[in-house]
Protein backbone atom coordinates (compact mmCIF):
# COMPACT_ATOMS: atom_id res chain seq x y z
CA MET A 1 0.22 -0.24 0.02
CA ASP A 2 2.44 2.50 0.18
CA GLY A 3 2.78 2.92 -3.51
CA PHE A 4 -0.71 3.73 -3.40
CA ASP A 5 -0.27 5.85 -0.68
CA GLN A 6 1.65 8.43 -2.74
CA LEU A 7 -1.51 9.27 -5.08
CA PRO A 8 -3.68 12.00 -4.73
CA ASP A 9 -7.33 11.43 -3.35
CA SER A 10 -8.45 12.90 -6.61
CA LEU A 11 -7.28 10.00 -8.80
CA ILE A 12 -8.85 7.42 -6.63
CA LEU A 13 -11.81 9.27 -6.81
CA SER A 14 -11.78 8.83 -10.83
CA ILE A 15 -10.81 4.95 -10.05
CA PHE A 16 -13.76 4.66 -7.80
CA ASN A 17 -16.10 6.59 -10.26
CA SER A 18 -15.09 4.01 -12.73
CA VAL A 19 -15.90 1.11 -11.00
CA SER A 20 -18.97 2.61 -9.84
CA ASP A 21 -20.59 -0.74 -8.36
CA VAL A 22 -22.30 0.20 -5.12
CA LYS A 23 -21.51 -3.54 -4.22
CA SER A 24 -17.44 -2.99 -4.92
CA LEU A 25 -17.09 0.53 -3.31
CA ILE A 26 -18.74 -1.02 -0.44
CA ARG A 27 -16.42 -3.95 -0.24
CA CYS A 28 -13.43 -0.88 -0.84
CA ARG A 29 -14.06 0.70 2.27
CA SER A 30 -13.01 -2.24 4.46
CA VAL A 31 -9.64 -1.80 2.94
CA SER A 32 -8.35 1.32 4.98
CA LYS A 33 -9.52 4.17 6.94
CA ARG A 34 -8.32 6.31 3.99
CA PHE A 35 -10.76 4.64 1.02
CA ASN A 36 -13.55 4.42 4.32
CA SER A 37 -13.64 8.15 3.61
CA LEU A 38 -13.01 8.95 -0.23
CA VAL A 39 -15.82 6.17 -1.03
CA PRO A 40 -18.66 8.25 0.04
CA GLN A 41 -17.49 10.70 -1.83
CA THR A 42 -18.00 8.86 -5.18
CA GLU A 43 -20.04 10.74 -8.10
CA SER A 44 -20.96 7.95 -10.33
CA ILE A 45 -22.89 5.33 -8.79
CA LEU A 46 -24.29 2.27 -10.35
CA LEU A 47 -26.84 -0.16 -7.92
CA LYS A 48 -28.00 -3.08 -8.95
CA ILE A 49 -31.24 -4.03 -7.68
CA ASP A 50 -31.78 -7.68 -7.16
CA ARG A 51 -35.25 -7.52 -5.92
CA VAL A 52 -37.29 -4.60 -4.66
CA ILE A 53 -38.50 -4.77 -0.93
CA SER A 54 -41.26 -2.83 0.48
CA SER A 55 -42.98 -2.18 3.73
CA GLU A 56 -46.33 -4.19 2.11
CA SER A 57 -44.66 -7.06 1.08
CA ASP A 58 -41.11 -8.39 1.14
CA SER A 59 -42.13 -10.87 -1.37
CA ASP A 60 -43.64 -7.98 -3.92
CA SER A 61 -41.32 -7.54 -7.32
CA LEU A 62 -41.23 -4.14 -9.15
CA PHE A 63 -43.40 -6.62 -11.86
CA LEU A 64 -46.25 -6.91 -9.22
CA SER A 65 -46.41 -3.44 -8.18
CA LEU A 66 -46.61 -3.11 -12.11
CA ILE A 67 -49.90 -5.43 -11.92
CA LYS A 68 -51.47 -3.80 -9.14
CA SER A 69 -51.36 -0.54 -10.83
CA PHE A 70 -52.41 -2.13 -13.92
CA LEU A 71 -55.47 -3.58 -12.21
CA HIS A 72 -56.60 -0.29 -10.26
CA PHE A 73 -56.35 1.42 -13.76
CA ILE A 74 -58.81 -1.31 -15.65
CA LEU A 75 -60.84 -2.13 -12.71
CA PRO A 76 -60.13 0.15 -9.60
CA LYS A 77 -63.62 -0.99 -7.91
CA LEU A 78 -61.84 -4.97 -7.48
CA THR A 79 -58.21 -3.27 -6.66
CA SER A 80 -59.91 -0.87 -3.74
CA SER A 81 -56.90 -2.52 -1.23
CA PRO A 82 -54.87 0.77 -0.15
CA LEU A 83 -51.35 1.15 -1.07
CA ARG A 84 -50.23 4.19 0.75
CA ASN A 85 -48.57 2.39 3.15
CA ARG A 86 -45.80 1.14 0.11
CA THR A 87 -42.37 2.47 0.59
CA HIS A 88 -39.82 1.54 -1.81
CA THR A 89 -36.99 1.83 0.44
CA TYR A 90 -33.89 -0.28 -0.63
CA PRO A 91 -32.39 1.98 -2.86
CA ALA A 92 -33.02 4.85 -0.88
CA GLN A 93 -31.00 3.08 2.12
CA ILE A 94 -28.19 1.52 0.29
CA LEU A 95 -27.48 5.21 -1.48
CA SER A 96 -27.50 7.16 1.75
CA ARG A 97 -23.71 6.04 2.33
CA PHE A 98 -22.88 8.42 -0.67
CA GLN A 99 -22.77 11.88 -0.17
CA ARG A 100 -21.81 13.47 -3.60
CA ILE A 101 -23.88 11.13 -6.09
CA ARG A 102 -23.84 13.09 -9.69
CA GLU A 103 -24.63 10.38 -11.91
CA LEU A 104 -26.89 7.49 -10.93
CA HIS A 105 -27.72 4.50 -12.98
CA VAL A 106 -30.04 2.06 -11.44
CA GLU A 107 -30.33 -1.46 -12.80
CA LEU A 108 -33.29 -3.86 -11.77
CA PRO A 109 -33.46 -7.53 -11.88
CA ALA A 110 -35.62 -7.69 -15.36
CA GLY A 111 -38.17 -6.14 -17.54
CA ASP A 112 -41.58 -5.61 -16.78
CA LEU A 113 -43.59 -6.60 -19.99
CA GLN A 114 -45.50 -9.76 -19.97
CA LEU A 115 -45.88 -10.68 -23.94
CA GLU A 116 -46.55 -13.90 -25.92
CA LYS A 117 -44.09 -15.50 -27.62
CA GLY A 118 -41.99 -13.96 -30.15
CA THR A 119 -43.05 -10.82 -29.39
CA VAL A 120 -40.02 -8.24 -28.89
CA VAL A 121 -40.83 -4.80 -27.16
CA LYS A 122 -38.44 -2.21 -26.06
CA TRP A 123 -39.03 1.56 -24.80
CA ARG A 124 -37.36 4.39 -23.38
CA ALA A 125 -38.63 6.77 -21.72
CA ASP A 126 -38.05 10.63 -20.70
CA PHE A 127 -38.62 12.74 -17.33
CA GLY A 128 -38.91 15.60 -15.65
CA GLU A 129 -41.25 15.76 -12.27
CA THR A 130 -43.68 13.53 -14.66
CA LEU A 131 -43.52 11.97 -17.96
CA LYS A 132 -41.97 13.91 -20.67
CA SER A 133 -42.06 11.69 -23.96
CA CYS A 134 -41.69 7.88 -24.66
CA VAL A 135 -40.02 5.55 -27.31
CA VAL A 136 -41.85 2.21 -28.17
CA PHE A 137 -40.41 -0.28 -30.52
CA GLY A 138 -42.44 -3.72 -30.90
CA PHE A 139 -42.03 -6.32 -33.10
CA ARG A 140 -42.59 -10.06 -33.38
CA VAL A 141 -40.22 -12.78 -34.56
CA GLY A 142 -41.55 -16.01 -37.09
CA SER A 143 -44.36 -16.15 -39.58
CA GLY A 144 -47.32 -14.06 -39.68
CA ASN A 145 -49.64 -12.32 -42.10
CA HIS A 146 -48.23 -9.11 -41.62
CA GLU A 147 -50.25 -7.70 -44.24
CA THR A 148 -53.76 -7.78 -42.42
CA GLU A 149 -52.26 -7.65 -39.15
CA PHE A 150 -51.88 -4.54 -38.25
CA ALA A 151 -56.13 -3.62 -38.24
CA GLY A 152 -56.22 -6.86 -36.29
CA ARG A 153 -53.88 -5.90 -33.52
CA LEU A 154 -54.05 -2.49 -33.03
CA LYS A 155 -55.50 -3.34 -29.51
CA THR A 156 -52.50 -5.42 -28.63
CA ARG A 157 -50.65 -2.32 -29.57
CA VAL A 158 -51.76 -0.02 -27.78
CA MET A 159 -51.42 -2.29 -24.92
CA TRP A 160 -48.18 -2.32 -25.38
CA THR A 161 -47.96 1.20 -24.96
CA ILE A 162 -49.74 1.46 -21.92
CA SER A 163 -47.61 -1.15 -20.52
CA ALA A 164 -44.61 0.30 -21.16
CA LEU A 165 -45.92 3.68 -19.95
CA ILE A 166 -47.13 2.26 -16.64
CA ALA A 167 -43.72 0.42 -16.24
CA ALA A 168 -41.81 3.90 -16.88
CA SER A 169 -43.62 5.58 -14.02
CA VAL A 170 -43.47 2.94 -11.67
CA ARG A 171 -39.98 3.31 -12.31
CA HIS A 172 -39.94 6.84 -11.89
CA PHE A 173 -42.06 6.41 -8.34
CA LEU A 174 -39.22 4.12 -7.58
CA LEU A 175 -36.54 6.88 -6.92
CA ARG A 176 -38.30 9.88 -5.74
CA GLU A 177 -37.21 9.34 -2.05
CA VAL A 178 -33.35 9.01 -3.73
CA VAL A 179 -34.30 12.19 -5.41
CA ARG A 180 -34.77 13.92 -2.57
CA GLU A 181 -32.17 13.10 -0.57
CA HIS A 182 -29.74 13.55 -2.90
CA ASN A 183 -29.46 16.99 -4.19
CA GLY A 184 -26.61 16.94 -6.32
CA VAL A 185 -27.91 14.04 -8.51
CA GLU A 186 -27.51 15.46 -11.94
CA GLU A 187 -28.99 12.58 -14.06
CA LEU A 188 -30.47 9.51 -13.43
CA VAL A 189 -30.79 6.28 -15.17
CA ILE A 190 -33.35 3.22 -14.37
CA THR A 191 -32.67 0.32 -16.84
CA ASP A 192 -33.16 -3.39 -15.89
CA ARG A 193 -30.86 -6.58 -17.03
CA ASP A 194 -33.29 -7.79 -19.71
CA GLY A 195 -32.95 -4.36 -21.61
CA GLU A 196 -35.99 -4.38 -22.01
CA GLY A 197 -36.76 -0.51 -20.97
CA VAL A 198 -34.89 2.35 -20.08
CA VAL A 199 -36.37 6.10 -17.64
CA VAL A 200 -33.73 8.91 -17.98
CA VAL A 201 -33.76 12.11 -15.78
CA GLU A 202 -31.31 14.50 -17.11
CA LYS A 203 -30.47 17.92 -15.31
CA GLU A 204 -33.00 19.67 -16.81
CA GLY A 205 -35.64 17.18 -15.33
CA MET A 206 -33.70 16.17 -12.35
CA ARG A 207 -34.56 20.00 -11.46
CA GLU A 208 -38.06 20.38 -12.70
CA TRP A 209 -38.63 17.02 -10.35
CA ARG A 210 -37.36 19.08 -7.38
CA GLU A 211 -38.62 22.26 -7.90
CA ALA A 212 -42.12 20.71 -8.18
CA ARG A 213 -44.64 21.95 -5.78
CA GLU A 214 -44.80 19.89 -2.41
CA GLY A 215 -47.78 17.32 -1.95
CA HIS A 216 -48.93 18.07 -5.97
CA VAL A 217 -50.81 14.60 -6.94
CA MET A 218 -49.00 12.53 -3.82
CA GLY A 219 -51.65 11.30 -2.81
CA GLU A 220 -53.02 9.28 -5.93
CA GLU A 221 -49.40 8.64 -6.64
CA GLU A 222 -49.01 6.81 -3.61
CA GLU A 223 -52.29 4.97 -4.15
CA ARG A 224 -51.31 4.00 -7.08
CA GLY A 225 -47.55 2.94 -6.39
CA ARG A 226 -46.04 4.95 -9.39
CA THR A 227 -46.24 8.53 -11.02
CA VAL A 228 -49.46 9.61 -12.60
CA VAL A 229 -48.74 9.41 -16.94
CA PRO A 230 -50.32 13.04 -17.93
CA GLY A 231 -52.50 13.34 -20.91
CA VAL A 232 -50.08 11.77 -23.93
CA ARG A 233 -50.36 11.74 -27.51
CA MET A 234 -49.11 8.51 -29.52
CA ARG A 235 -48.02 8.47 -33.01
CA MET A 236 -47.68 5.38 -34.46
CA ARG A 237 -46.31 3.51 -36.81
CA HIS A 238 -46.40 0.27 -38.64
CA GLU A 239 -44.31 -1.63 -41.25
CA PRO A 240 -46.31 -4.99 -41.94
CA ARG A 241 -42.85 -6.00 -44.48
CA LEU A 242 -41.00 -6.21 -41.38
CA GLY A 243 -43.51 -7.13 -38.49
CA ALA A 244 -42.40 -3.61 -36.60
CA THR A 245 -44.07 -1.10 -34.56
CA LEU A 246 -42.80 2.20 -33.51
CA VAL A 247 -44.67 4.17 -31.26
CA VAL A 248 -43.52 7.79 -30.02
CA VAL A 249 -45.52 9.48 -26.85
CA ARG A 250 -45.22 12.65 -25.58
CA ALA A 251 -47.02 14.57 -23.34
CA VAL A 252 -49.73 16.74 -24.23
CA GLY A 253 -48.25 19.74 -23.05
CA ASP A 254 -44.83 19.62 -23.29
CA GLY A 255 -44.96 21.34 -26.54
CA ALA A 256 -45.62 18.53 -28.69
CA HIS A 257 -46.26 19.87 -32.86
CA SER A 258 -48.05 18.83 -35.52
CA GLY A 259 -47.42 17.72 -39.05
CA ARG A 260 -43.67 18.23 -40.60
CA LEU A 261 -42.76 19.36 -37.03
CA ALA A 262 -43.86 16.50 -35.37
CA ASP A 263 -42.06 14.19 -37.71
CA VAL A 264 -38.91 15.53 -37.18
CA GLU A 265 -39.56 15.43 -33.37
CA ASP A 266 -40.70 11.62 -34.06
CA ALA A 267 -37.18 11.04 -36.05
CA ASP A 268 -35.08 12.61 -33.33
CA LEU A 269 -36.49 10.86 -30.75
CA ALA A 270 -36.89 7.79 -31.84
CA MET A 271 -32.79 8.00 -33.34
CA LYS A 272 -32.29 8.75 -29.70
CA ALA A 273 -33.40 5.76 -28.21
CA PHE A 274 -32.55 3.08 -30.71
CA GLY A 275 -30.85 4.38 -33.56
CA ASN A 276 -28.36 2.04 -33.11
CA GLY A 277 -27.18 -1.28 -34.95
CA VAL A 278 -30.11 -3.22 -36.66
CA SER A 279 -32.66 -1.43 -34.62
CA GLY A 280 -31.54 1.69 -36.17
CA ASP A 281 -32.08 0.00 -39.74
CA ALA A 282 -35.51 -0.61 -38.71
CA ILE A 283 -36.48 2.30 -37.31
CA ARG A 284 -35.37 4.75 -40.40
CA GLU A 285 -37.69 2.31 -42.12
CA LEU A 286 -40.76 2.62 -39.56
CA LEU A 287 -40.35 6.45 -39.80
CA LYS A 288 -41.03 7.11 -43.57
CA VAL A 289 -44.73 4.92 -43.28
CA ARG A 290 -47.93 7.05 -42.49
CA SER A 291 -48.48 7.24 -38.82
CA TYR A 292 -51.95 6.87 -36.46
CA LEU A 293 -52.67 9.52 -33.75
CA LEU A 294 -54.22 8.66 -30.81
CA GLU A 295 -54.81 10.21 -27.44
CA MET A 296 -55.36 8.99 -24.12
CA ASN A 297 -55.88 10.95 -20.77
CA SER A 298 -54.21 11.01 -17.97
CA PHE A 299 -53.87 7.76 -15.95
């Protein structure tokens, strides 16, 4: 350790930021008093969650929370059991050991959507205080009569989108305590090990979230166990040859345009979400086809 002791604190912190994994960093604290004092100053953190622990039930998973939330949306009278005591404490408890988090990446154990065999759906949602935009990319693997599929399976595609929006709002809600307790966080990314969905809150979104009026729709959010999704406009495109669907969702009050400007905004959001590799090729093809506009109230 003599040679290592010669390194400045800034260089050691740079190494810790590259490590980022919470479990590894916590182990580093036991190496020496110096490491124990420096680890809490790490600014870039990766938290891998094995399961989500709530005060309601230790066995509840994030997906179960999503299902309860979705059933409440569809059949509120049949899911009237209160969820007000639900408190997702695990991330906040672990991250309380760190004092200067600026970039936080949280990885959940699995995706949230339960899809029929041969169906793949990926999504990316951008948030501030609430949802700003969401891009959903879905496709089916295998044979099928794609030419007649769109009209017959439109309901299924809408359900893909609703499910993605609910999953995103559950993830956003999960980290509310962390955002409240760590004022220095400038970027929050929530992913899952299946690579299904991504929630992103960038610097401006973090500022908006923190400055949001205290108590704003919190009663409804606590009951649902997720952030309320605002009224949205969904522009859906389907390419039968590819068996693929692209849905670009934007909050109604977020300055969404129509016509050519909307096409440009769709392209920007879609390429930002899925512009690389094979997915990028499919997205470019989908952006060429006619879009269908759907609107949905807050839920």
